[in-house]
Amino acid sequence: MTHAEPGGQNGLVAEKLWPPAPQTVGRARRFLVRQLSLWDLKQLTDTAELIVSELVTNAITHTYPPYGHLIATRLERLDSGIRIEVHDAGTALPERRRAGEDEESGRGLCLVDSLTGGQWGVSCRSGPGKAVWALCTEPGAGA
């Protein structure tokens, strides 16, 4: 399911539901890239792709949603960029941590924190779970 408001896919918000599966990460990136193009924000593509990849990967890896629960991405056009949200049914809150030199994972939220200048967080949502969000803006712009 894809939903955008107001004004269809070229509106201010675009949402899409995804199965909690590994292939969702690439599909979410492609959805984001198409939306950035529609909103004339192609200059944010590289950074925004990294952010959505990390947030969707975390949702798939760490939330263990009950059968039938989907992951949602919500993209909101801002004056200076985009707000990226990933919704999941998990109750565990994400934690930024330092990964050891030999660890293969654990750096995602440090990367998101660096790419967004600390402009990310976790919000409640209607229904079970949470929304993890991050702002991707033009360098030097406020959200």
Protein backbone atom coordinates (compact mmCIF):
# COMPACT_ATOMS: atom_id res chain seq x y z
CA MET A 1 0.00 0.00 0.00
CA THR A 2 1.26 3.45 -0.90
CA HIS A 3 -0.32 6.60 0.41
CA ALA A 4 0.56 10.22 -0.19
CA GLU A 5 -1.17 13.40 0.97
CA PRO A 6 -2.10 16.07 0.02
CA GLY A 7 -1.95 16.01 -3.75
CA GLY A 8 -1.02 12.38 -4.43
CA GLN A 9 2.58 11.17 -4.80
CA ASN A 10 3.75 14.73 -5.36
CA GLY A 11 2.23 15.87 -2.04
CA LEU A 12 3.90 16.63 1.26
CA VAL A 13 3.76 13.11 2.73
CA ALA A 14 4.33 9.69 1.18
CA GLU A 15 3.83 6.41 3.05
CA LYS A 16 4.31 2.76 2.18
CA LEU A 17 3.87 -0.53 4.05
CA TRP A 18 6.49 -3.28 3.78
CA PRO A 19 6.90 -6.88 4.89
CA PRO A 20 9.62 -7.36 7.55
CA ALA A 21 11.97 -9.06 5.07
CA PRO A 22 15.57 -8.36 3.95
CA GLN A 23 14.54 -7.32 0.40
CA THR A 24 12.48 -4.51 1.93
CA VAL A 25 15.63 -2.43 2.51
CA GLY A 26 16.35 -2.04 -1.22
CA ARG A 27 12.70 -1.49 -2.03
CA ALA A 28 12.43 1.23 0.61
CA ARG A 29 15.51 2.94 -0.86
CA ARG A 30 13.97 2.91 -4.34
CA PHE A 31 10.69 4.31 -2.98
CA LEU A 32 12.65 7.09 -1.26
CA VAL A 33 14.69 7.92 -4.39
CA ARG A 34 11.52 8.20 -6.50
CA GLN A 35 9.93 10.48 -3.92
CA LEU A 36 13.01 12.70 -3.67
CA SER A 37 12.95 13.06 -7.43
CA LEU A 38 9.25 14.03 -7.40
CA TRP A 39 9.96 16.61 -4.70
CA ASP A 40 13.02 17.97 -6.56
CA LEU A 41 15.34 16.92 -3.72
CA LYS A 42 17.75 14.73 -5.70
CA GLN A 43 20.71 16.41 -3.95
CA LEU A 44 19.73 14.61 -0.72
CA THR A 45 19.65 11.14 -2.31
CA ASP A 46 22.98 9.71 -1.08
CA THR A 47 22.50 10.77 2.53
CA ALA A 48 18.80 9.93 2.66
CA GLU A 49 19.44 6.46 1.18
CA LEU A 50 21.94 5.67 3.93
CA ILE A 51 19.51 6.88 6.60
CA VAL A 52 16.52 4.90 5.33
CA SER A 53 18.70 1.82 4.86
CA GLU A 54 19.87 1.92 8.47
CA LEU A 55 16.43 2.59 9.94
CA VAL A 56 14.67 -0.10 7.90
CA THR A 57 17.46 -2.61 8.61
CA ASN A 58 17.12 -1.92 12.34
CA ALA A 59 13.34 -2.40 12.15
CA ILE A 60 13.76 -5.76 10.41
CA THR A 61 16.66 -6.97 12.56
CA HIS A 62 15.67 -5.86 16.03
CA THR A 63 11.92 -5.65 16.34
CA TYR A 64 10.77 -9.22 15.74
CA PRO A 65 7.22 -8.14 14.90
CA PRO A 66 4.42 -10.63 15.46
CA TYR A 67 3.20 -12.45 12.37
CA GLY A 68 1.18 -10.15 10.15
CA HIS A 69 2.71 -6.87 11.34
CA LEU A 70 4.27 -4.72 8.66
CA ILE A 71 6.94 -2.03 8.65
CA ALA A 72 5.97 1.40 7.34
CA THR A 73 8.05 4.18 5.88
CA ARG A 74 6.72 7.72 6.04
CA LEU A 75 8.45 10.52 4.16
CA GLU A 76 7.52 14.12 4.86
CA ARG A 77 8.66 17.01 2.67
CA LEU A 78 10.10 19.87 4.75
CA ASP A 79 11.13 23.36 3.65
CA SER A 80 14.78 22.38 4.00
CA GLY A 81 14.68 18.66 3.24
CA ILE A 82 12.85 15.53 4.35
CA ARG A 83 11.77 13.75 7.53
CA ILE A 84 12.22 10.00 7.24
CA GLU A 85 10.21 7.79 9.59
CA VAL A 86 10.22 4.01 9.95
CA HIS A 87 7.34 2.53 11.95
CA ASP A 88 7.41 -0.96 13.42
CA ALA A 89 5.50 -3.03 15.98
CA GLY A 90 8.51 -3.65 18.22
CA THR A 91 8.59 -2.25 21.74
CA ALA A 92 12.38 -2.13 22.22
CA LEU A 93 13.83 1.36 21.82
CA PRO A 94 16.88 1.75 19.59
CA GLU A 95 20.15 2.63 21.30
CA ARG A 96 23.15 4.33 19.81
CA ARG A 97 26.24 2.41 20.84
CA ARG A 98 29.88 2.09 20.02
CA ALA A 99 30.68 -1.13 18.20
CA GLY A 100 33.97 -2.88 18.86
CA GLU A 101 36.57 -3.07 16.12
CA ASP A 102 35.77 -6.73 15.42
CA GLU A 103 31.98 -6.40 15.48
CA GLU A 104 30.16 -6.62 12.16
CA SER A 105 27.16 -4.55 13.24
CA GLY A 106 26.16 -1.89 15.74
CA ARG A 107 27.23 1.27 13.91
CA GLY A 108 23.94 2.18 12.21
CA LEU A 109 22.58 4.72 14.67
CA CYS A 110 26.02 6.32 15.06
CA LEU A 111 25.98 6.79 11.29
CA VAL A 112 22.43 8.20 11.37
CA ASP A 113 23.43 10.53 14.21
CA SER A 114 26.42 11.78 12.21
CA LEU A 115 24.50 12.19 8.94
CA THR A 116 21.68 14.13 10.62
CA GLY A 117 23.72 16.22 13.03
CA GLY A 118 21.90 14.51 15.90
CA GLN A 119 18.46 15.26 14.45
CA TRP A 120 16.83 11.85 14.96
CA GLY A 121 14.76 10.19 17.62
CA VAL A 122 11.92 7.88 18.58
CA SER A 123 8.23 8.79 18.78
CA CYS A 124 5.11 7.01 19.97
CA ARG A 125 2.56 6.08 17.36
CA SER A 126 -1.01 4.88 17.28
CA GLY A 127 -1.07 1.11 17.65
CA PRO A 128 1.76 -1.08 18.86
CA GLY A 129 5.39 -0.13 18.50
CA LYS A 130 7.21 3.06 17.69
CA ALA A 131 8.37 5.39 14.94
CA VAL A 132 12.08 6.06 14.52
CA TRP A 133 12.65 9.30 12.62
CA ALA A 134 15.54 11.29 11.17
CA LEU A 135 15.83 14.64 9.43
CA CYS A 136 17.80 14.84 6.22
CA THR A 137 18.33 18.47 5.30
CA GLU A 138 20.44 20.63 3.05
CA PRO A 139 23.85 21.38 4.61
CA GLY A 140 23.53 24.47 6.76
CA ALA A 141 19.73 24.45 6.71
CA GLY A 142 17.49 24.16 9.74
CA ALA A 143 14.47 21.87 9.59
